Amino acid sequence: MQQGGYGAPPQGGFPPQGQGPMGGAPMGGPPMGAPPMGAPSMGGPVGGAPQGSGGGGGSAPFGSLVAPGIIGGLVGGILSSIPLLNLLNCLFCVLNLVGALVAVNRWMAKNPGQQLSTGSSALLGAISGAIAGGTVGILGTLIGLAFSGVMLSILSAVGEAVPSEVAGQLAGQGIWGILYTPVYVVLYAIFGALGGMAGLHLFYKSRAA
């Protein structure tokens, strides 16, 4: 009678080739339940980035916003400095919004295929608006003074007497224009931020992050 009980391998015997004791996993192989060797992990393909780590988050670096913001600000500021035409700014500062749209357009042209976040578009529009406000405060004042000087010359040429009060107001126009420049910068920056966001979501919705 064999020792070790019915069905047990002879004493000192070995389990079948490739099988561990008690019917477990093969000797030297991975533990039971482990994925086969060389199989990709749950994090993504072998050698690839983890899932969810895509590129192009949409938040643009500040440096990439400066040049387009300056271009848009100069456009909006020059348009807003032209007499009579600047009356359009009474309608939601529309000329300033045009400058912000130009800024967004220039950024998209310089960064093809990249997305722009709402916050970055607002910052871009604010830069454009601030530049436009500064332009209006300086250039607009100079143009206004020149325009007033031309009007005074015309009135004098036709023999119309210019009241001293009117002449004094026109002379003080330049001083007040310079003093109001910081106010223009803040107000135009606020409307420019709104224009930047509107331009992104109205005309470049597919590239909005």
N, C-alpha and C. Protein backbone atom coordinates (compact mmCIF):
# COMPACT_ATOMS: atom_id res chain seq x y z
N MET A 1 0.83 -1.19 0.00
CA MET A 1 0.00 0.00 0.00
C MET A 1 0.87 1.24 0.00
N GLN A 2 0.53 2.24 -0.87
CA GLN A 2 1.38 3.44 -1.00
C GLN A 2 1.12 4.39 0.15
N GLN A 3 2.17 5.02 0.63
CA GLN A 3 2.04 6.02 1.69
C GLN A 3 1.54 7.34 1.13
N GLY A 4 0.88 8.11 1.99
CA GLY A 4 0.39 9.43 1.59
C GLY A 4 -1.06 9.42 1.22
N GLY A 5 -1.74 8.24 1.22
CA GLY A 5 -3.17 8.24 0.96
C GLY A 5 -3.48 7.98 -0.50
N TYR A 6 -4.76 7.71 -0.69
CA TYR A 6 -5.20 7.36 -2.04
C TYR A 6 -5.04 8.55 -2.98
N GLY A 7 -4.46 8.36 -4.11
CA GLY A 7 -4.32 9.39 -5.14
C GLY A 7 -3.16 10.32 -4.95
N ALA A 8 -2.46 10.27 -3.82
CA ALA A 8 -1.32 11.18 -3.60
C ALA A 8 -0.13 10.69 -4.37
N PRO A 9 0.71 11.58 -4.84
CA PRO A 9 1.91 11.14 -5.58
C PRO A 9 2.85 10.39 -4.66
N PRO A 10 3.62 9.56 -5.22
CA PRO A 10 4.57 8.80 -4.40
C PRO A 10 5.44 9.74 -3.59
N GLN A 11 5.85 9.27 -2.44
CA GLN A 11 6.69 10.10 -1.57
C GLN A 11 7.98 10.46 -2.29
N GLY A 12 8.27 11.75 -2.25
CA GLY A 12 9.48 12.20 -2.91
C GLY A 12 9.29 12.48 -4.38
N GLY A 13 8.03 12.31 -4.88
CA GLY A 13 7.76 12.56 -6.29
C GLY A 13 7.64 14.05 -6.59
N PHE A 14 7.41 14.39 -7.82
CA PHE A 14 7.33 15.79 -8.26
C PHE A 14 5.99 16.03 -8.92
N PRO A 15 5.45 17.24 -8.83
CA PRO A 15 4.20 17.55 -9.53
C PRO A 15 4.42 17.55 -11.03
N PRO A 16 3.35 17.52 -11.80
CA PRO A 16 3.52 17.53 -13.27
C PRO A 16 4.34 18.72 -13.72
N GLN A 17 5.02 18.54 -14.85
CA GLN A 17 5.91 19.58 -15.35
C GLN A 17 5.16 20.88 -15.63
N GLY A 18 5.69 22.04 -15.11
CA GLY A 18 5.09 23.34 -15.32
C GLY A 18 4.02 23.69 -14.33
N GLN A 19 3.67 22.80 -13.38
CA GLN A 19 2.61 23.08 -12.43
C GLN A 19 3.19 23.11 -11.03
N GLY A 20 2.75 24.07 -10.24
CA GLY A 20 3.23 24.19 -8.88
C GLY A 20 2.52 23.23 -7.97
N PRO A 21 2.89 23.24 -6.70
CA PRO A 21 2.25 22.35 -5.74
C PRO A 21 0.78 22.70 -5.57
N MET A 22 -0.02 21.71 -5.24
CA MET A 22 -1.45 21.84 -4.94
C MET A 22 -2.22 22.44 -6.12
N GLY A 23 -1.76 22.21 -7.35
CA GLY A 23 -2.50 22.67 -8.52
C GLY A 23 -2.51 24.16 -8.71
N GLY A 24 -1.55 24.91 -8.13
CA GLY A 24 -1.52 26.37 -8.23
C GLY A 24 -0.97 26.83 -9.56
N ALA A 25 -0.55 28.07 -9.56
CA ALA A 25 -0.02 28.66 -10.79
C ALA A 25 1.27 27.99 -11.17
N PRO A 26 1.62 28.01 -12.42
CA PRO A 26 2.89 27.41 -12.84
C PRO A 26 4.05 28.05 -12.11
N MET A 27 5.05 27.18 -11.80
CA MET A 27 6.22 27.68 -11.08
C MET A 27 6.94 28.72 -11.92
N GLY A 28 7.29 29.84 -11.29
CA GLY A 28 8.02 30.89 -11.97
C GLY A 28 7.15 31.83 -12.77
N GLY A 29 5.83 31.59 -12.88
CA GLY A 29 4.93 32.44 -13.65
C GLY A 29 4.34 33.51 -12.78
N PRO A 30 3.54 34.40 -13.36
CA PRO A 30 2.91 35.48 -12.58
C PRO A 30 1.83 34.93 -11.68
N PRO A 31 1.48 35.64 -10.60
CA PRO A 31 0.43 35.18 -9.69
C PRO A 31 -0.90 35.06 -10.42
N MET A 32 -1.76 34.24 -9.82
CA MET A 32 -3.08 34.06 -10.41
C MET A 32 -3.83 35.39 -10.42
N GLY A 33 -4.50 35.73 -11.55
CA GLY A 33 -5.26 36.96 -11.65
C GLY A 33 -4.47 38.13 -12.20
N ALA A 34 -3.13 37.99 -12.32
CA ALA A 34 -2.31 39.08 -12.85
C ALA A 34 -2.41 39.09 -14.37
N PRO A 35 -2.32 40.24 -15.01
CA PRO A 35 -2.38 40.29 -16.47
C PRO A 35 -1.17 39.63 -17.08
N PRO A 36 -1.30 39.11 -18.28
CA PRO A 36 -0.14 38.47 -18.93
C PRO A 36 0.99 39.47 -19.10
N MET A 37 2.20 38.90 -19.14
CA MET A 37 3.39 39.73 -19.31
C MET A 37 3.32 40.46 -20.64
N GLY A 38 3.65 41.77 -20.62
CA GLY A 38 3.65 42.56 -21.84
C GLY A 38 2.33 43.21 -22.16
N ALA A 39 1.27 42.90 -21.38
CA ALA A 39 -0.02 43.53 -21.64
C ALA A 39 -0.01 44.97 -21.18
N PRO A 40 -0.69 45.88 -21.88
CA PRO A 40 -0.71 47.29 -21.46
C PRO A 40 -1.45 47.47 -20.15
N SER A 41 -1.01 48.46 -19.36
CA SER A 41 -1.65 48.74 -18.09
C SER A 41 -2.92 49.53 -18.32
N MET A 42 -3.72 49.69 -17.25
CA MET A 42 -4.99 50.41 -17.37
C MET A 42 -4.79 51.90 -17.63
N GLY A 43 -3.58 52.43 -17.39
CA GLY A 43 -3.34 53.86 -17.55
C GLY A 43 -3.30 54.32 -18.98
N GLY A 44 -3.14 53.39 -19.94
CA GLY A 44 -3.07 53.79 -21.34
C GLY A 44 -2.14 52.88 -22.08
N PRO A 45 -1.83 53.16 -23.33
CA PRO A 45 -0.96 52.31 -24.12
C PRO A 45 0.44 52.27 -23.56
N VAL A 46 1.16 51.20 -23.92
CA VAL A 46 2.52 51.05 -23.43
C VAL A 46 3.36 52.22 -23.93
N GLY A 47 4.05 52.86 -23.01
CA GLY A 47 4.91 53.97 -23.36
C GLY A 47 4.17 55.26 -23.63
N GLY A 48 2.84 55.28 -23.57
CA GLY A 48 2.06 56.49 -23.85
C GLY A 48 1.77 57.25 -22.59
N ALA A 49 1.12 58.39 -22.74
CA ALA A 49 0.76 59.21 -21.60
C ALA A 49 -0.47 58.64 -20.92
N PRO A 50 -0.64 58.86 -19.63
CA PRO A 50 -1.84 58.39 -18.94
C PRO A 50 -3.09 58.98 -19.56
N GLN A 51 -4.18 58.23 -19.43
CA GLN A 51 -5.43 58.71 -19.99
C GLN A 51 -5.84 60.02 -19.34
N GLY A 52 -6.33 60.96 -20.20
CA GLY A 52 -6.79 62.25 -19.68
C GLY A 52 -5.74 63.32 -19.71
N SER A 53 -4.49 62.93 -20.15
CA SER A 53 -3.44 63.95 -20.17
C SER A 53 -3.28 64.47 -21.58
N GLY A 54 -4.29 65.16 -22.09
CA GLY A 54 -4.23 65.71 -23.43
C GLY A 54 -3.48 67.02 -23.44
N GLY A 55 -3.22 67.53 -24.65
CA GLY A 55 -2.52 68.80 -24.76
C GLY A 55 -3.46 69.91 -25.16
N GLY A 56 -2.97 71.13 -25.14
CA GLY A 56 -3.78 72.27 -25.58
C GLY A 56 -4.90 72.60 -24.62
N GLY A 57 -4.57 72.92 -23.36
CA GLY A 57 -5.60 73.19 -22.38
C GLY A 57 -6.39 74.45 -22.66
N GLY A 58 -5.91 75.34 -23.55
CA GLY A 58 -6.65 76.52 -23.90
C GLY A 58 -6.23 77.78 -23.17
N SER A 59 -5.50 77.66 -22.07
CA SER A 59 -5.04 78.83 -21.34
C SER A 59 -3.77 79.34 -21.99
N ALA A 60 -3.88 80.43 -22.74
CA ALA A 60 -2.75 80.93 -23.52
C ALA A 60 -1.75 81.65 -22.61
N PRO A 61 -0.45 81.53 -22.89
CA PRO A 61 0.55 82.31 -22.14
C PRO A 61 0.33 83.81 -22.34
N PHE A 62 0.62 84.56 -21.31
CA PHE A 62 0.38 86.00 -21.38
C PHE A 62 1.17 86.64 -22.52
N GLY A 63 2.39 86.15 -22.75
CA GLY A 63 3.22 86.74 -23.80
C GLY A 63 2.61 86.64 -25.18
N SER A 64 1.83 85.58 -25.42
CA SER A 64 1.22 85.42 -26.75
C SER A 64 0.02 86.33 -26.94
N LEU A 65 -0.45 86.96 -25.86
CA LEU A 65 -1.62 87.84 -25.96
C LEU A 65 -1.24 89.30 -26.18
N VAL A 66 0.01 89.65 -25.90
CA VAL A 66 0.40 91.06 -25.90
C VAL A 66 0.34 91.67 -27.29
N ALA A 67 1.03 91.03 -28.27
CA ALA A 67 1.08 91.60 -29.62
C ALA A 67 -0.30 91.71 -30.27
N PRO A 68 -1.13 90.64 -30.25
CA PRO A 68 -2.48 90.80 -30.80
C PRO A 68 -3.30 91.85 -30.06
N GLY A 69 -3.10 91.95 -28.73
CA GLY A 69 -3.83 92.95 -27.96
C GLY A 69 -3.45 94.37 -28.34
N ILE A 70 -2.17 94.58 -28.61
CA ILE A 70 -1.71 95.92 -29.02
C ILE A 70 -2.29 96.28 -30.38
N ILE A 71 -2.28 95.31 -31.31
CA ILE A 71 -2.82 95.58 -32.65
C ILE A 71 -4.30 95.94 -32.57
N GLY A 72 -5.06 95.12 -31.85
CA GLY A 72 -6.48 95.40 -31.70
C GLY A 72 -6.74 96.70 -30.97
N GLY A 73 -5.92 97.00 -29.96
CA GLY A 73 -6.10 98.24 -29.22
C GLY A 73 -5.84 99.47 -30.06
N LEU A 74 -4.83 99.40 -30.92
CA LEU A 74 -4.56 100.54 -31.80
C LEU A 74 -5.70 100.75 -32.80
N VAL A 75 -6.25 99.63 -33.31
CA VAL A 75 -7.38 99.76 -34.23
C VAL A 75 -8.57 100.42 -33.53
N GLY A 76 -8.91 99.88 -32.36
CA GLY A 76 -10.04 100.44 -31.63
C GLY A 76 -9.80 101.86 -31.16
N GLY A 77 -8.57 102.15 -30.76
CA GLY A 77 -8.25 103.49 -30.27
C GLY A 77 -8.27 104.53 -31.37
N ILE A 78 -7.73 104.18 -32.54
CA ILE A 78 -7.72 105.15 -33.65
C ILE A 78 -9.13 105.42 -34.14
N LEU A 79 -9.93 104.34 -34.28
CA LEU A 79 -11.31 104.54 -34.69
C LEU A 79 -12.08 105.39 -33.69
N SER A 80 -11.81 105.20 -32.41
CA SER A 80 -12.52 105.94 -31.36
C SER A 80 -12.02 107.37 -31.21
N SER A 81 -10.94 107.70 -31.89
CA SER A 81 -10.38 109.05 -31.79
C SER A 81 -10.83 109.96 -32.93
N ILE A 82 -11.47 109.38 -33.93
CA ILE A 82 -11.91 110.17 -35.09
C ILE A 82 -13.19 110.91 -34.74
N PRO A 83 -13.19 112.23 -34.88
CA PRO A 83 -14.41 112.99 -34.57
C PRO A 83 -15.60 112.51 -35.40
N LEU A 84 -16.76 112.57 -34.81
CA LEU A 84 -18.03 112.14 -35.37
C LEU A 84 -18.13 110.62 -35.43
N LEU A 85 -17.10 109.95 -35.94
CA LEU A 85 -17.13 108.49 -35.95
C LEU A 85 -17.13 107.93 -34.53
N ASN A 86 -16.46 108.65 -33.62
CA ASN A 86 -16.40 108.16 -32.24
C ASN A 86 -17.75 108.22 -31.53
N LEU A 87 -18.74 108.84 -32.16
CA LEU A 87 -20.07 108.83 -31.56
C LEU A 87 -20.67 107.42 -31.51
N LEU A 88 -20.14 106.51 -32.34
CA LEU A 88 -20.60 105.13 -32.32
C LEU A 88 -20.30 104.44 -30.99
N ASN A 89 -19.33 104.98 -30.26
CA ASN A 89 -19.02 104.40 -28.95
C ASN A 89 -20.13 104.63 -27.94
N CYS A 90 -21.05 105.51 -28.28
CA CYS A 90 -22.21 105.67 -27.39
C CYS A 90 -23.09 104.42 -27.40
N LEU A 91 -22.92 103.57 -28.41
CA LEU A 91 -23.67 102.32 -28.52
C LEU A 91 -22.79 101.17 -28.05
N PHE A 92 -22.75 100.97 -26.72
CA PHE A 92 -22.00 99.87 -26.09
C PHE A 92 -20.52 99.88 -26.49
N CYS A 93 -19.98 101.04 -26.69
CA CYS A 93 -18.54 101.18 -26.98
C CYS A 93 -18.16 100.29 -28.17
N VAL A 94 -18.95 100.38 -29.24
CA VAL A 94 -18.85 99.43 -30.34
C VAL A 94 -17.50 99.47 -31.04
N LEU A 95 -16.89 100.66 -31.15
CA LEU A 95 -15.59 100.74 -31.81
C LEU A 95 -14.51 100.04 -30.99
N ASN A 96 -14.63 100.11 -29.69
CA ASN A 96 -13.71 99.39 -28.82
C ASN A 96 -13.91 97.88 -28.96
N LEU A 97 -15.16 97.44 -29.11
CA LEU A 97 -15.45 96.02 -29.31
C LEU A 97 -14.85 95.53 -30.63
N VAL A 98 -14.86 96.39 -31.64
CA VAL A 98 -14.23 96.03 -32.91
C VAL A 98 -12.74 95.76 -32.71
N GLY A 99 -12.09 96.61 -31.93
CA GLY A 99 -10.68 96.39 -31.64
C GLY A 99 -10.43 95.08 -30.92
N ALA A 100 -11.30 94.72 -29.98
CA ALA A 100 -11.16 93.44 -29.27
C ALA A 100 -11.34 92.26 -30.22
N LEU A 101 -12.28 92.37 -31.16
CA LEU A 101 -12.47 91.31 -32.15
C LEU A 101 -11.24 91.17 -33.04
N VAL A 102 -10.64 92.28 -33.40
CA VAL A 102 -9.41 92.24 -34.19
C VAL A 102 -8.30 91.53 -33.41
N ALA A 103 -8.21 91.80 -32.11
CA ALA A 103 -7.20 91.16 -31.28
C ALA A 103 -7.39 89.64 -31.25
N VAL A 104 -8.63 89.18 -31.09
CA VAL A 104 -8.91 87.74 -31.10
C VAL A 104 -8.56 87.14 -32.45
N ASN A 105 -8.91 87.84 -33.52
CA ASN A 105 -8.61 87.36 -34.86
C ASN A 105 -7.10 87.23 -35.08
N ARG A 106 -6.34 88.20 -34.61
CA ARG A 106 -4.88 88.16 -34.78
C ARG A 106 -4.29 87.00 -33.98
N TRP A 107 -4.81 86.74 -32.79
CA TRP A 107 -4.29 85.62 -31.98
C TRP A 107 -4.57 84.30 -32.69
N MET A 108 -5.77 84.15 -33.22
CA MET A 108 -6.12 82.91 -33.92
C MET A 108 -5.23 82.72 -35.14
N ALA A 109 -4.92 83.79 -35.85
CA ALA A 109 -4.08 83.69 -37.04
C ALA A 109 -2.65 83.31 -36.68
N LYS A 110 -2.16 83.79 -35.54
CA LYS A 110 -0.78 83.49 -35.14
C LYS A 110 -0.65 82.14 -34.45
N ASN A 111 -1.75 81.55 -34.01
CA ASN A 111 -1.72 80.28 -33.29
C ASN A 111 -2.72 79.30 -33.93
N PRO A 112 -2.48 78.90 -35.17
CA PRO A 112 -3.44 78.01 -35.84
C PRO A 112 -3.53 76.66 -35.14
N GLY A 113 -4.74 76.17 -35.01
CA GLY A 113 -4.95 74.86 -34.42
C GLY A 113 -5.01 74.85 -32.91
N GLN A 114 -4.68 75.95 -32.25
CA GLN A 114 -4.71 76.00 -30.80
C GLN A 114 -6.05 76.55 -30.31
N GLN A 115 -6.41 76.12 -29.11
CA GLN A 115 -7.66 76.58 -28.51
C GLN A 115 -7.38 77.73 -27.55
N LEU A 116 -8.41 78.52 -27.32
CA LEU A 116 -8.32 79.69 -26.45
C LEU A 116 -9.42 79.60 -25.41
N SER A 117 -9.06 79.73 -24.16
CA SER A 117 -10.06 79.66 -23.10
C SER A 117 -10.82 80.97 -22.99
N THR A 118 -11.96 80.93 -22.33
CA THR A 118 -12.77 82.14 -22.13
C THR A 118 -12.00 83.17 -21.32
N GLY A 119 -11.30 82.71 -20.29
CA GLY A 119 -10.52 83.64 -19.48
C GLY A 119 -9.41 84.32 -20.27
N SER A 120 -8.74 83.54 -21.14
CA SER A 120 -7.67 84.14 -21.95
C SER A 120 -8.24 85.12 -22.97
N SER A 121 -9.40 84.81 -23.53
CA SER A 121 -10.01 85.74 -24.48
C SER A 121 -10.43 87.04 -23.78
N ALA A 122 -10.89 86.93 -22.53
CA ALA A 122 -11.24 88.12 -21.78
C ALA A 122 -9.99 88.96 -21.48
N LEU A 123 -8.90 88.28 -21.13
CA LEU A 123 -7.64 89.01 -20.87
C LEU A 123 -7.13 89.66 -22.14
N LEU A 124 -7.24 88.96 -23.26
CA LEU A 124 -6.82 89.53 -24.54
C LEU A 124 -7.64 90.76 -24.88
N GLY A 125 -8.97 90.68 -24.69
CA GLY A 125 -9.81 91.84 -24.94
C GLY A 125 -9.53 92.99 -23.98
N ALA A 126 -9.20 92.67 -22.73
CA ALA A 126 -8.87 93.72 -21.76
C ALA A 126 -7.59 94.45 -22.15
N ILE A 127 -6.59 93.69 -22.63
CA ILE A 127 -5.35 94.33 -23.10
C ILE A 127 -5.65 95.27 -24.26
N SER A 128 -6.45 94.76 -25.21
CA SER A 128 -6.82 95.60 -26.35
C SER A 128 -7.58 96.85 -25.90
N GLY A 129 -8.53 96.68 -24.97
CA GLY A 129 -9.29 97.82 -24.49
C GLY A 129 -8.44 98.85 -23.75
N ALA A 130 -7.49 98.36 -22.96
CA ALA A 130 -6.61 99.29 -22.23
C ALA A 130 -5.77 100.10 -23.20
N ILE A 131 -5.24 99.43 -24.24
CA ILE A 131 -4.46 100.15 -25.25
C ILE A 131 -5.35 101.16 -25.98
N ALA A 132 -6.58 100.76 -26.28
CA ALA A 132 -7.50 101.67 -26.97
C ALA A 132 -7.82 102.88 -26.09
N GLY A 133 -8.05 102.63 -24.80
CA GLY A 133 -8.34 103.75 -23.89
C GLY A 133 -7.19 104.73 -23.79
N GLY A 134 -5.97 104.22 -23.71
CA GLY A 134 -4.81 105.11 -23.68
C GLY A 134 -4.65 105.88 -24.98
N THR A 135 -4.95 105.21 -26.10
CA THR A 135 -4.87 105.88 -27.40
C THR A 135 -5.90 107.01 -27.50
N VAL A 136 -7.11 106.72 -27.03
CA VAL A 136 -8.15 107.75 -27.06
C VAL A 136 -7.77 108.93 -26.17
N GLY A 137 -7.22 108.64 -24.99
CA GLY A 137 -6.86 109.72 -24.08
C GLY A 137 -5.81 110.66 -24.64
N ILE A 138 -4.89 110.12 -25.45
CA ILE A 138 -3.79 110.95 -25.97
C ILE A 138 -4.07 111.40 -27.40
N LEU A 139 -4.23 110.40 -28.29
CA LEU A 139 -4.45 110.76 -29.69
C LEU A 139 -5.78 111.47 -29.90
N GLY A 140 -6.82 110.98 -29.20
CA GLY A 140 -8.13 111.62 -29.34
C GLY A 140 -8.12 113.06 -28.90
N THR A 141 -7.38 113.34 -27.84
CA THR A 141 -7.28 114.72 -27.36
C THR A 141 -6.58 115.61 -28.37
N LEU A 142 -5.48 115.10 -28.96
CA LEU A 142 -4.75 115.87 -29.95
C LEU A 142 -5.60 116.13 -31.20
N ILE A 143 -6.31 115.10 -31.65
CA ILE A 143 -7.17 115.27 -32.81
C ILE A 143 -8.30 116.25 -32.50
N GLY A 144 -8.85 116.14 -31.30
CA GLY A 144 -9.91 117.06 -30.90
C GLY A 144 -9.45 118.50 -30.86
N LEU A 145 -8.24 118.72 -30.35
CA LEU A 145 -7.69 120.08 -30.32
C LEU A 145 -7.47 120.61 -31.73
N ALA A 146 -6.93 119.74 -32.60
CA ALA A 146 -6.71 120.18 -33.98
C ALA A 146 -8.04 120.50 -34.66
N PHE A 147 -9.04 119.65 -34.42
CA PHE A 147 -10.36 119.89 -35.02
C PHE A 147 -10.96 121.19 -34.50
N SER A 148 -10.80 121.45 -33.21
CA SER A 148 -11.32 122.68 -32.63
C SER A 148 -10.59 123.90 -33.19
N GLY A 149 -9.28 123.76 -33.37
CA GLY A 149 -8.52 124.86 -33.95
C GLY A 149 -8.96 125.18 -35.36
N VAL A 150 -9.25 124.15 -36.13
CA VAL A 150 -9.74 124.37 -37.50
C VAL A 150 -11.09 125.09 -37.47
N MET A 151 -11.96 124.68 -36.57
CA MET A 151 -13.27 125.33 -36.48
C MET A 151 -13.14 126.79 -36.09
N LEU A 152 -12.24 127.07 -35.13
CA LEU A 152 -12.03 128.46 -34.74
C LEU A 152 -11.50 129.29 -35.90
N SER A 153 -10.61 128.70 -36.68
CA SER A 153 -10.05 129.42 -37.83
C SER A 153 -11.12 129.71 -38.86
N ILE A 154 -12.00 128.74 -39.06
CA ILE A 154 -13.08 128.95 -40.04
C ILE A 154 -14.02 130.06 -39.57
N LEU A 155 -14.37 130.03 -38.28
CA LEU A 155 -15.25 131.07 -37.76
C LEU A 155 -14.61 132.45 -37.84
N SER A 156 -13.33 132.49 -37.56
CA SER A 156 -12.63 133.78 -37.64
C SER A 156 -12.54 134.27 -39.08
N ALA A 157 -12.38 133.33 -40.02
CA ALA A 157 -12.25 133.71 -41.43
C ALA A 157 -13.53 134.29 -41.99
N VAL A 158 -14.66 133.81 -41.49
CA VAL A 158 -15.95 134.31 -41.99
C VAL A 158 -16.44 135.51 -41.19
N GLY A 159 -15.63 135.96 -40.27
CA GLY A 159 -15.96 137.16 -39.53
C GLY A 159 -16.82 136.93 -38.32
N GLU A 160 -17.00 135.69 -37.91
CA GLU A 160 -17.79 135.40 -36.73
C GLU A 160 -16.93 135.58 -35.48
N ALA A 161 -17.46 136.30 -34.53
CA ALA A 161 -16.73 136.50 -33.28
C ALA A 161 -16.91 135.28 -32.38
N VAL A 162 -15.78 134.76 -31.91
CA VAL A 162 -15.82 133.58 -31.04
C VAL A 162 -15.88 134.05 -29.60
N PRO A 163 -16.90 133.68 -28.86
CA PRO A 163 -16.97 134.09 -27.45
C PRO A 163 -15.75 133.61 -26.67
N SER A 164 -15.34 134.42 -25.74
CA SER A 164 -14.16 134.06 -24.95
C SER A 164 -14.38 132.80 -24.13
N GLU A 165 -15.63 132.58 -23.71
CA GLU A 165 -15.92 131.37 -22.94
C GLU A 165 -15.71 130.11 -23.78
N VAL A 166 -16.14 130.17 -25.04
CA VAL A 166 -15.95 129.02 -25.93
C VAL A 166 -14.47 128.78 -26.20
N ALA A 167 -13.73 129.85 -26.43
CA ALA A 167 -12.30 129.70 -26.67
C ALA A 167 -11.60 129.11 -25.45
N GLY A 168 -12.04 129.54 -24.26
CA GLY A 168 -11.43 128.98 -23.05
C GLY A 168 -11.75 127.51 -22.87
N GLN A 169 -12.96 127.09 -23.19
CA GLN A 169 -13.32 125.69 -23.08
C GLN A 169 -12.53 124.82 -24.05
N LEU A 170 -12.36 125.35 -25.26
CA LEU A 170 -11.60 124.59 -26.23
C LEU A 170 -10.13 124.46 -25.81
N ALA A 171 -9.61 125.51 -25.20
CA ALA A 171 -8.23 125.46 -24.74
C ALA A 171 -8.05 124.47 -23.60
N GLY A 172 -9.06 124.39 -22.72
CA GLY A 172 -8.96 123.46 -21.60
C GLY A 172 -9.32 122.03 -21.94
N GLN A 173 -9.77 121.82 -23.18
CA GLN A 173 -10.15 120.48 -23.61
C GLN A 173 -8.97 119.52 -23.56
N GLY A 174 -7.80 120.01 -23.94
CA GLY A 174 -6.62 119.14 -23.94
C GLY A 174 -6.24 118.70 -22.54
N ILE A 175 -6.32 119.61 -21.58
CA ILE A 175 -5.95 119.25 -20.20
C ILE A 175 -6.90 118.20 -19.66
N TRP A 176 -8.19 118.39 -19.86
CA TRP A 176 -9.17 117.42 -19.37
C TRP A 176 -9.04 116.07 -20.06
N GLY A 177 -8.72 116.11 -21.34
CA GLY A 177 -8.53 114.84 -22.06
C GLY A 177 -7.40 114.02 -21.48
N ILE A 178 -6.29 114.66 -21.15
CA ILE A 178 -5.16 113.94 -20.56
C ILE A 178 -5.51 113.42 -19.16
N LEU A 179 -6.23 114.24 -18.38
CA LEU A 179 -6.58 113.82 -17.02
C LEU A 179 -7.55 112.64 -17.02
N TYR A 180 -8.37 112.55 -18.03
CA TYR A 180 -9.35 111.47 -18.11
C TYR A 180 -8.78 110.18 -18.70
N THR A 181 -7.53 110.20 -19.12
CA THR A 181 -6.95 109.02 -19.76
C THR A 181 -7.02 107.77 -18.87
N PRO A 182 -6.67 107.82 -17.57
CA PRO A 182 -6.81 106.61 -16.74
C PRO A 182 -8.24 106.07 -16.70
N VAL A 183 -9.21 106.98 -16.73
CA VAL A 183 -10.62 106.54 -16.73
C VAL A 183 -10.94 105.81 -18.04
N TYR A 184 -10.44 106.36 -19.14
CA TYR A 184 -10.65 105.70 -20.43
C TYR A 184 -10.03 104.30 -20.43
N VAL A 185 -8.84 104.19 -19.86
CA VAL A 185 -8.14 102.89 -19.86
C VAL A 185 -8.97 101.84 -19.13
N VAL A 186 -9.51 102.19 -17.96
CA VAL A 186 -10.28 101.23 -17.17
C VAL A 186 -11.59 100.87 -17.88
N LEU A 187 -12.32 101.87 -18.33
CA LEU A 187 -13.61 101.61 -18.97
C LEU A 187 -13.45 100.81 -20.26
N TYR A 188 -12.48 101.19 -21.07
CA TYR A 188 -12.27 100.47 -22.33
C TYR A 188 -11.78 99.05 -22.07
N ALA A 189 -11.00 98.84 -21.02
CA ALA A 189 -10.54 97.49 -20.69
C ALA A 189 -11.72 96.59 -20.31
N ILE A 190 -12.68 97.13 -19.57
CA ILE A 190 -13.85 96.34 -19.17
C ILE A 190 -14.67 95.93 -20.40
N PHE A 191 -14.97 96.91 -21.26
CA PHE A 191 -15.73 96.58 -22.47
C PHE A 191 -14.91 95.72 -23.43
N GLY A 192 -13.59 95.91 -23.43
CA GLY A 192 -12.74 95.07 -24.28
C GLY A 192 -12.76 93.62 -23.84
N ALA A 193 -12.79 93.37 -22.53
CA ALA A 193 -12.88 91.99 -22.04
C ALA A 193 -14.17 91.33 -22.50
N LEU A 194 -15.26 92.08 -22.44
CA LEU A 194 -16.54 91.55 -22.93
C LEU A 194 -16.48 91.28 -24.43
N GLY A 195 -15.82 92.18 -25.16
CA GLY A 195 -15.69 91.99 -26.60
C GLY A 195 -14.83 90.79 -26.95
N GLY A 196 -13.77 90.55 -26.17
CA GLY A 196 -12.93 89.38 -26.42
C GLY A 196 -13.68 88.07 -26.23
N MET A 197 -14.47 87.98 -25.15
CA MET A 197 -15.26 86.76 -24.92
C MET A 197 -16.33 86.59 -25.99
N ALA A 198 -16.99 87.69 -26.35
CA ALA A 198 -18.03 87.60 -27.38
C ALA A 198 -17.43 87.19 -28.73
N GLY A 199 -16.28 87.73 -29.07
CA GLY A 199 -15.65 87.37 -30.33
C GLY A 199 -15.25 85.91 -30.39
N LEU A 200 -14.77 85.38 -29.27
CA LEU A 200 -14.38 83.97 -29.23
C LEU A 200 -15.58 83.06 -29.45
N HIS A 201 -16.66 83.31 -28.72
CA HIS A 201 -17.79 82.39 -28.75
C HIS A 201 -18.73 82.63 -29.92
N LEU A 202 -18.63 83.78 -30.58
CA LEU A 202 -19.47 84.05 -31.74
C LEU A 202 -18.81 83.63 -33.04
N PHE A 203 -17.50 83.88 -33.16
CA PHE A 203 -16.82 83.66 -34.43
C PHE A 203 -15.82 82.50 -34.39
N TYR A 204 -15.41 82.07 -33.22
CA TYR A 204 -14.42 80.99 -33.12
C TYR A 204 -14.89 79.95 -32.10
N LYS A 205 -16.15 79.60 -32.17
CA LYS A 205 -16.71 78.68 -31.19
C LYS A 205 -16.01 77.32 -31.22
N SER A 206 -15.60 76.88 -32.40
CA SER A 206 -14.96 75.56 -32.51
C SER A 206 -13.57 75.53 -31.87
N ARG A 207 -12.98 76.69 -31.62
CA ARG A 207 -11.64 76.74 -31.00
C ARG A 207 -11.68 77.28 -29.58
N ALA A 208 -12.88 77.34 -29.02
CA ALA A 208 -13.02 77.76 -27.63
C ALA A 208 -12.77 76.57 -26.72
N ALA A 209 -11.90 76.75 -25.73
CA ALA A 209 -11.58 75.66 -24.80
C ALA A 209 -12.59 75.60 -23.69
